[in-house]
Amino acid sequence: ERTADHLVDAGRIVWRELALRARVAVPDAPGFQALQTPGNGLWPADTPENEVPQQFRGKGFWRVARPDVFSVRHTSVEDYLQPMVHEVKVSRADLLSDLRHEAKREAYRWLSCETYYVFPAGMAEPDEIPQAFGVWVLDGPIDRGTLELVRPAVHVPCKLPFAVWMALAKATPVRTDVEAMQRQLGEPADDCAFPMSGCAPDLPIEPSTRP
């Protein structure tokens, strides 16, 4: 919730606990076990890393990704959306388990321009996280601590596929209170010329040419 609220305050549209299909490449390497897949052709999200379906070895496959927090910029220009994934970890064991699942990490990267790990300060060193991923740490208690960007993620341009758009359309974004939304608008400038900002321009009134 703290991470989602932080992104909302930054002006992003935020969803929590989505289930999104992501395409991931699987290495064709020895030691990977064959696995019976369900009829929908998806590799389940909780499949162990070394149990890759036989038909997907060395190829691309679809995986169900469940990012903790998914967000896009509030914009009407597709190229400026900058989708992001934030994975929140509350224990070192959970973080290390995540880092052992390469396919899970790659699914996040397929869905976003930037992927971040968020965890309490002191739980891990930034160097333990692969360089492609950004790091946020929470300094202090969960309810009052400060979120700090320790390392930015590597930015990779991407566009959201139609299936992801459909999933977002059916999901409900994180809501914020009216006060928070008002803070995003900011204070109207003294020389404001836009009625939607609370002031009207001093424009001359032209006489009508209609009868």
C-alpha atoms as a PDB file:
ATOM      1  CA  GLU A   1       0.000   0.000   0.000  1.00  0.00           C
ATOM      2  CA  ARG A   2       2.826   2.420   0.796  1.00  0.00           C
ATOM      3  CA  THR A   3       4.434   1.760  -2.577  1.00  0.00           C
ATOM      4  CA  ALA A   4       1.125   2.145  -4.426  1.00  0.00           C
ATOM      5  CA  ASP A   5       0.310   5.385  -2.590  1.00  0.00           C
ATOM      6  CA  HIS A   6       3.771   6.760  -3.377  1.00  0.00           C
ATOM      7  CA  LEU A   7       3.261   6.122  -7.098  1.00  0.00           C
ATOM      8  CA  VAL A   8      -0.245   7.612  -7.058  1.00  0.00           C
ATOM      9  CA  ASP A   9       1.127  10.757  -5.409  1.00  0.00           C
ATOM     10  CA  ALA A  10       3.709  10.902  -8.218  1.00  0.00           C
ATOM     11  CA  GLY A  11       0.849  11.102 -10.726  1.00  0.00           C
ATOM     12  CA  ARG A  12       0.812   7.518 -11.967  1.00  0.00           C
ATOM     13  CA  ILE A  13      -2.154   5.177 -12.498  1.00  0.00           C
ATOM     14  CA  VAL A  14      -1.577   2.169 -10.262  1.00  0.00           C
ATOM     15  CA  TRP A  15      -2.911  -1.387 -10.000  1.00  0.00           C
ATOM     16  CA  ARG A  16      -2.161  -3.989  -7.355  1.00  0.00           C
ATOM     17  CA  GLU A  17      -1.975  -7.788  -7.686  1.00  0.00           C
ATOM     18  CA  LEU A  18      -2.832  -8.080 -11.371  1.00  0.00           C
ATOM     19  CA  ALA A  19      -2.536 -11.356 -13.287  1.00  0.00           C
ATOM     20  CA  LEU A  20      -0.955 -10.578 -16.665  1.00  0.00           C
ATOM     21  CA  ARG A  21       0.298 -12.805 -19.464  1.00  0.00           C
ATOM     22  CA  ALA A  22       3.944 -12.261 -20.335  1.00  0.00           C
ATOM     23  CA  ARG A  23       6.116 -13.871 -23.005  1.00  0.00           C
ATOM     24  CA  VAL A  24       9.402 -15.280 -21.742  1.00  0.00           C
ATOM     25  CA  ALA A  25      12.265 -17.139 -23.403  1.00  0.00           C
ATOM     26  CA  VAL A  26      13.330 -20.412 -21.776  1.00  0.00           C
ATOM     27  CA  PRO A  27      16.946 -21.612 -21.974  1.00  0.00           C
ATOM     28  CA  ASP A  28      17.457 -24.941 -23.706  1.00  0.00           C
ATOM     29  CA  ALA A  29      19.801 -26.336 -21.084  1.00  0.00           C
ATOM     30  CA  PRO A  30      20.293 -29.722 -19.413  1.00  0.00           C
ATOM     31  CA  GLY A  31      18.732 -30.179 -16.008  1.00  0.00           C
ATOM     32  CA  PHE A  32      15.359 -28.727 -16.925  1.00  0.00           C
ATOM     33  CA  GLN A  33      12.554 -31.180 -16.336  1.00  0.00           C
ATOM     34  CA  ALA A  34       9.507 -31.676 -18.529  1.00  0.00           C
ATOM     35  CA  LEU A  35       6.171 -30.659 -17.048  1.00  0.00           C
ATOM     36  CA  GLN A  36       2.577 -31.318 -18.045  1.00  0.00           C
ATOM     37  CA  THR A  37       0.892 -27.995 -18.823  1.00  0.00           C
ATOM     38  CA  PRO A  38      -2.804 -27.147 -18.442  1.00  0.00           C
ATOM     39  CA  GLY A  39      -5.036 -26.812 -21.470  1.00  0.00           C
ATOM     40  CA  ASN A  40      -4.606 -23.046 -21.707  1.00  0.00           C
ATOM     41  CA  GLY A  41      -0.967 -23.405 -22.769  1.00  0.00           C
ATOM     42  CA  LEU A  42       0.360 -21.259 -19.925  1.00  0.00           C
ATOM     43  CA  TRP A  43       3.263 -22.111 -17.685  1.00  0.00           C
ATOM     44  CA  PRO A  44       1.823 -21.618 -14.155  1.00  0.00           C
ATOM     45  CA  ALA A  45       3.363 -18.767 -12.184  1.00  0.00           C
ATOM     46  CA  ASP A  46       4.365 -21.006  -9.279  1.00  0.00           C
ATOM     47  CA  THR A  47       6.233 -23.549 -11.440  1.00  0.00           C
ATOM     48  CA  PRO A  48       9.778 -24.200 -10.155  1.00  0.00           C
ATOM     49  CA  GLU A  49      12.481 -22.710 -12.354  1.00  0.00           C
ATOM     50  CA  ASN A  50      13.943 -26.104 -13.295  1.00  0.00           C
ATOM     51  CA  GLU A  51      10.598 -27.590 -14.383  1.00  0.00           C
ATOM     52  CA  VAL A  52      10.064 -26.156 -17.842  1.00  0.00           C
ATOM     53  CA  PRO A  53       7.468 -27.707 -20.182  1.00  0.00           C
ATOM     54  CA  GLN A  54       9.244 -29.861 -22.761  1.00  0.00           C
ATOM     55  CA  GLN A  55       7.601 -28.094 -25.709  1.00  0.00           C
ATOM     56  CA  PHE A  56       8.861 -24.718 -24.492  1.00  0.00           C
ATOM     57  CA  ARG A  57      12.547 -25.536 -24.087  1.00  0.00           C
ATOM     58  CA  GLY A  58      14.697 -23.152 -26.099  1.00  0.00           C
ATOM     59  CA  LYS A  59      11.599 -21.236 -27.219  1.00  0.00           C
ATOM     60  CA  GLY A  60       9.359 -18.473 -26.047  1.00  0.00           C
ATOM     61  CA  PHE A  61       6.305 -19.216 -23.931  1.00  0.00           C
ATOM     62  CA  TRP A  62       3.531 -17.388 -22.110  1.00  0.00           C
ATOM     63  CA  ARG A  63       3.714 -17.115 -18.350  1.00  0.00           C
ATOM     64  CA  VAL A  64       1.222 -15.677 -15.850  1.00  0.00           C
ATOM     65  CA  ALA A  65       2.937 -12.800 -14.063  1.00  0.00           C
ATOM     66  CA  ARG A  66       1.528 -11.316 -10.857  1.00  0.00           C
ATOM     67  CA  PRO A  67       3.416  -8.095 -10.090  1.00  0.00           C
ATOM     68  CA  ASP A  68       2.728  -6.630  -6.662  1.00  0.00           C
ATOM     69  CA  VAL A  69       2.357  -3.132  -8.106  1.00  0.00           C
ATOM     70  CA  PHE A  70       1.938  -2.217 -11.790  1.00  0.00           C
ATOM     71  CA  SER A  71       1.680   1.389 -12.949  1.00  0.00           C
ATOM     72  CA  VAL A  72       1.707   3.678 -15.972  1.00  0.00           C
ATOM     73  CA  ARG A  73       2.115   7.419 -16.320  1.00  0.00           C
ATOM     74  CA  HIS A  74      -1.036   9.538 -16.526  1.00  0.00           C
ATOM     75  CA  THR A  75      -0.726  10.548 -20.182  1.00  0.00           C
ATOM     76  CA  SER A  76      -2.634  10.396 -23.453  1.00  0.00           C
ATOM     77  CA  VAL A  77       0.525   9.603 -25.476  1.00  0.00           C
ATOM     78  CA  GLU A  78       1.306   5.899 -25.714  1.00  0.00           C
ATOM     79  CA  ASP A  79       5.058   6.440 -26.028  1.00  0.00           C
ATOM     80  CA  TYR A  80       5.072   8.303 -22.677  1.00  0.00           C
ATOM     81  CA  LEU A  81       3.274   5.623 -20.643  1.00  0.00           C
ATOM     82  CA  GLN A  82       6.477   4.167 -19.166  1.00  0.00           C
ATOM     83  CA  PRO A  83       4.907   1.079 -17.543  1.00  0.00           C
ATOM     84  CA  MET A  84       6.640  -0.009 -14.330  1.00  0.00           C
ATOM     85  CA  VAL A  85       6.610  -3.061 -12.084  1.00  0.00           C
ATOM     86  CA  HIS A  86       7.412  -2.807  -8.366  1.00  0.00           C
ATOM     87  CA  GLU A  87       7.965  -6.094  -6.521  1.00  0.00           C
ATOM     88  CA  VAL A  88       7.663  -5.667  -2.759  1.00  0.00           C
ATOM     89  CA  LYS A  89       9.632  -8.024  -0.506  1.00  0.00           C
ATOM     90  CA  VAL A  90       9.205  -8.100   3.271  1.00  0.00           C
ATOM     91  CA  SER A  91      11.713 -10.844   4.083  1.00  0.00           C
ATOM     92  CA  ARG A  92      15.168 -11.747   2.830  1.00  0.00           C
ATOM     93  CA  ALA A  93      14.094 -15.333   2.143  1.00  0.00           C
ATOM     94  CA  ASP A  94      11.275 -14.082  -0.100  1.00  0.00           C
ATOM     95  CA  LEU A  95      13.681 -11.806  -1.979  1.00  0.00           C
ATOM     96  CA  LEU A  96      16.285 -14.526  -2.532  1.00  0.00           C
ATOM     97  CA  SER A  97      13.594 -16.942  -3.689  1.00  0.00           C
ATOM     98  CA  ASP A  98      12.459 -14.386  -6.255  1.00  0.00           C
ATOM     99  CA  LEU A  99      15.991 -13.810  -7.503  1.00  0.00           C
ATOM    100  CA  ARG A 100      16.404 -17.537  -8.189  1.00  0.00           C
ATOM    101  CA  HIS A 101      13.469 -17.495 -10.654  1.00  0.00           C
ATOM    102  CA  GLU A 102      14.860 -15.997 -13.832  1.00  0.00           C
ATOM    103  CA  ALA A 103      11.663 -16.585 -15.817  1.00  0.00           C
ATOM    104  CA  LYS A 104       9.653 -14.642 -13.223  1.00  0.00           C
ATOM    105  CA  ARG A 105      12.017 -11.667 -13.445  1.00  0.00           C
ATOM    106  CA  GLU A 106      11.987 -11.730 -17.235  1.00  0.00           C
ATOM    107  CA  ALA A 107       8.189 -11.749 -17.227  1.00  0.00           C
ATOM    108  CA  TYR A 108       8.236  -8.506 -15.253  1.00  0.00           C
ATOM    109  CA  ARG A 109      10.715  -6.961 -17.680  1.00  0.00           C
ATOM    110  CA  TRP A 110       8.567  -7.985 -20.658  1.00  0.00           C
ATOM    111  CA  LEU A 111       5.624  -6.099 -19.140  1.00  0.00           C
ATOM    112  CA  SER A 112       7.473  -2.917 -18.189  1.00  0.00           C
ATOM    113  CA  CYS A 113      10.055  -0.345 -19.183  1.00  0.00           C
ATOM    114  CA  GLU A 114      11.502  -0.441 -15.667  1.00  0.00           C
ATOM    115  CA  THR A 115      11.289  -3.048 -12.897  1.00  0.00           C
ATOM    116  CA  TYR A 116      12.049  -2.321  -9.237  1.00  0.00           C
ATOM    117  CA  TYR A 117      12.467  -4.302  -6.041  1.00  0.00           C
ATOM    118  CA  VAL A 118      11.192  -2.643  -2.855  1.00  0.00           C
ATOM    119  CA  PHE A 119      12.277  -3.877   0.578  1.00  0.00           C
ATOM    120  CA  PRO A 120      13.117  -2.589   4.086  1.00  0.00           C
ATOM    121  CA  ALA A 121      16.497  -0.909   4.490  1.00  0.00           C
ATOM    122  CA  GLY A 122      19.201  -3.334   5.630  1.00  0.00           C
ATOM    123  CA  MET A 123      17.451  -6.453   4.329  1.00  0.00           C
ATOM    124  CA  ALA A 124      19.764  -6.723   1.326  1.00  0.00           C
ATOM    125  CA  GLU A 125      22.521  -4.816  -0.417  1.00  0.00           C
ATOM    126  CA  PRO A 126      21.715  -3.190  -3.782  1.00  0.00           C
ATOM    127  CA  ASP A 127      24.604  -5.133  -5.363  1.00  0.00           C
ATOM    128  CA  GLU A 128      22.727  -8.373  -4.632  1.00  0.00           C
ATOM    129  CA  ILE A 129      19.991  -7.321  -7.072  1.00  0.00           C
ATOM    130  CA  PRO A 130      20.755  -7.799 -10.807  1.00  0.00           C
ATOM    131  CA  GLN A 131      21.868  -4.529 -12.391  1.00  0.00           C
ATOM    132  CA  ALA A 132      18.886  -4.399 -14.768  1.00  0.00           C
ATOM    133  CA  PHE A 133      16.518  -3.904 -11.825  1.00  0.00           C
ATOM    134  CA  GLY A 134      16.084  -0.784  -9.729  1.00  0.00           C
ATOM    135  CA  VAL A 135      16.052  -0.713  -5.934  1.00  0.00           C
ATOM    136  CA  TRP A 136      13.811   1.186  -3.504  1.00  0.00           C
ATOM    137  CA  VAL A 137      14.251   0.826   0.252  1.00  0.00           C
ATOM    138  CA  LEU A 138      11.904   1.712   3.101  1.00  0.00           C
ATOM    139  CA  ASP A 139      13.771   3.469   5.880  1.00  0.00           C
ATOM    140  CA  GLY A 140      11.800   3.228   9.120  1.00  0.00           C
ATOM    141  CA  PRO A 141       8.457   1.657  10.102  1.00  0.00           C
ATOM    142  CA  ILE A 142       6.081   0.544   7.367  1.00  0.00           C
ATOM    143  CA  ASP A 143       3.408   3.083   8.273  1.00  0.00           C
ATOM    144  CA  ARG A 144       5.746   6.074   8.784  1.00  0.00           C
ATOM    145  CA  GLY A 145       9.001   5.203   7.021  1.00  0.00           C
ATOM    146  CA  THR A 146      10.473   6.980   4.016  1.00  0.00           C
ATOM    147  CA  LEU A 147      10.729   5.342   0.602  1.00  0.00           C
ATOM    148  CA  GLU A 148      14.076   6.094  -0.999  1.00  0.00           C
ATOM    149  CA  LEU A 149      15.309   5.313  -4.516  1.00  0.00           C
ATOM    150  CA  VAL A 150      18.721   3.689  -4.098  1.00  0.00           C
ATOM    151  CA  ARG A 151      19.344   2.689  -7.717  1.00  0.00           C
ATOM    152  CA  PRO A 152      17.321   3.423 -10.864  1.00  0.00           C
ATOM    153  CA  ALA A 153      16.346   0.555 -13.119  1.00  0.00           C
ATOM    154  CA  VAL A 154      17.726   0.194 -16.621  1.00  0.00           C
ATOM    155  CA  HIS A 155      15.128   1.771 -18.919  1.00  0.00           C
ATOM    156  CA  VAL A 156      14.068  -0.363 -21.887  1.00  0.00           C
ATOM    157  CA  PRO A 157      11.387   1.127 -24.192  1.00  0.00           C
ATOM    158  CA  CYS A 158       8.335  -1.093 -24.530  1.00  0.00           C
ATOM    159  CA  LYS A 159       4.696  -0.936 -25.617  1.00  0.00           C
ATOM    160  CA  LEU A 160       1.910  -2.741 -23.852  1.00  0.00           C
ATOM    161  CA  PRO A 161       0.272  -5.474 -25.942  1.00  0.00           C
ATOM    162  CA  PHE A 162      -3.469  -5.518 -26.486  1.00  0.00           C
ATOM    163  CA  ALA A 163      -4.004  -8.369 -24.000  1.00  0.00           C
ATOM    164  CA  VAL A 164      -2.427  -6.292 -21.232  1.00  0.00           C
ATOM    165  CA  TRP A 165      -4.640  -3.319 -22.126  1.00  0.00           C
ATOM    166  CA  MET A 166      -7.703  -5.551 -21.817  1.00  0.00           C
ATOM    167  CA  ALA A 167      -6.570  -6.793 -18.397  1.00  0.00           C
ATOM    168  CA  LEU A 168      -6.060  -3.212 -17.218  1.00  0.00           C
ATOM    169  CA  ALA A 169      -9.472  -2.178 -18.552  1.00  0.00           C
ATOM    170  CA  LYS A 170     -11.161  -4.900 -16.492  1.00  0.00           C
ATOM    171  CA  ALA A 171      -9.195  -4.142 -13.308  1.00  0.00           C
ATOM    172  CA  THR A 172      -9.759  -1.337 -10.809  1.00  0.00           C
ATOM    173  CA  PRO A 173      -6.828   1.029 -10.232  1.00  0.00           C
ATOM    174  CA  VAL A 174      -5.798   2.124  -6.768  1.00  0.00           C
ATOM    175  CA  ARG A 175      -8.003   4.980  -5.597  1.00  0.00           C
ATOM    176  CA  THR A 176      -6.853   7.956  -3.618  1.00  0.00           C
ATOM    177  CA  ASP A 177      -8.726  10.514  -1.542  1.00  0.00           C
ATOM    178  CA  VAL A 178      -9.879  13.853  -2.929  1.00  0.00           C
ATOM    179  CA  GLU A 179      -7.167  15.722  -1.032  1.00  0.00           C
ATOM    180  CA  ALA A 180      -4.401  13.735  -2.674  1.00  0.00           C
ATOM    181  CA  MET A 181      -5.850  14.362  -6.116  1.00  0.00           C
ATOM    182  CA  GLN A 182      -6.110  18.068  -5.366  1.00  0.00           C
ATOM    183  CA  ARG A 183      -2.449  18.154  -4.349  1.00  0.00           C
ATOM    184  CA  GLN A 184      -1.514  16.725  -7.748  1.00  0.00           C
ATOM    185  CA  LEU A 185      -3.240  19.653  -9.460  1.00  0.00           C
ATOM    186  CA  GLY A 186      -1.160  22.196  -7.549  1.00  0.00           C
ATOM    187  CA  GLU A 187      -1.994  25.792  -6.759  1.00  0.00           C
ATOM    188  CA  PRO A 188      -3.332  27.957  -9.624  1.00  0.00           C
ATOM    189  CA  ALA A 189      -0.851  30.516 -10.899  1.00  0.00           C
ATOM    190  CA  ASP A 190      -1.608  34.245 -10.605  1.00  0.00           C
ATOM    191  CA  ASP A 191      -1.484  34.675 -14.370  1.00  0.00           C
ATOM    192  CA  CYS A 192      -3.460  31.526 -15.083  1.00  0.00           C
ATOM    193  CA  ALA A 193      -5.330  31.605 -18.377  1.00  0.00           C
ATOM    194  CA  PHE A 194      -7.263  28.370 -18.129  1.00  0.00           C
ATOM    195  CA  PRO A 195     -10.789  28.255 -16.674  1.00  0.00           C
ATOM    196  CA  MET A 196     -10.271  24.644 -15.446  1.00  0.00           C
ATOM    197  CA  SER A 197      -7.555  25.914 -13.100  1.00  0.00           C
ATOM    198  CA  GLY A 198      -9.922  28.274 -11.346  1.00  0.00           C
ATOM    199  CA  CYS A 199      -9.419  31.517 -13.260  1.00  0.00           C
ATOM    200  CA  ALA A 200     -10.681  32.990 -16.517  1.00  0.00           C
ATOM    201  CA  PRO A 201      -8.635  34.882 -19.128  1.00  0.00           C
ATOM    202  CA  ASP A 202      -9.248  38.583 -19.767  1.00  0.00           C
ATOM    203  CA  LEU A 203     -10.161  38.236 -23.425  1.00  0.00           C
ATOM    204  CA  PRO A 204     -11.869  40.992 -25.438  1.00  0.00           C
ATOM    205  CA  ILE A 205     -15.478  40.279 -26.309  1.00  0.00           C
ATOM    206  CA  GLU A 206     -15.993  40.464 -30.030  1.00  0.00           C
ATOM    207  CA  PRO A 207     -19.365  41.674 -31.295  1.00  0.00           C
ATOM    208  CA  SER A 208     -21.462  38.920 -32.787  1.00  0.00           C
ATOM    209  CA  THR A 209     -21.795  38.890 -36.574  1.00  0.00           C
ATOM    210  CA  ARG A 210     -24.886  36.682 -36.460  1.00  0.00           C
ATOM    211  CA  PRO A 211     -28.338  38.248 -36.871  1.00  0.00           C
END
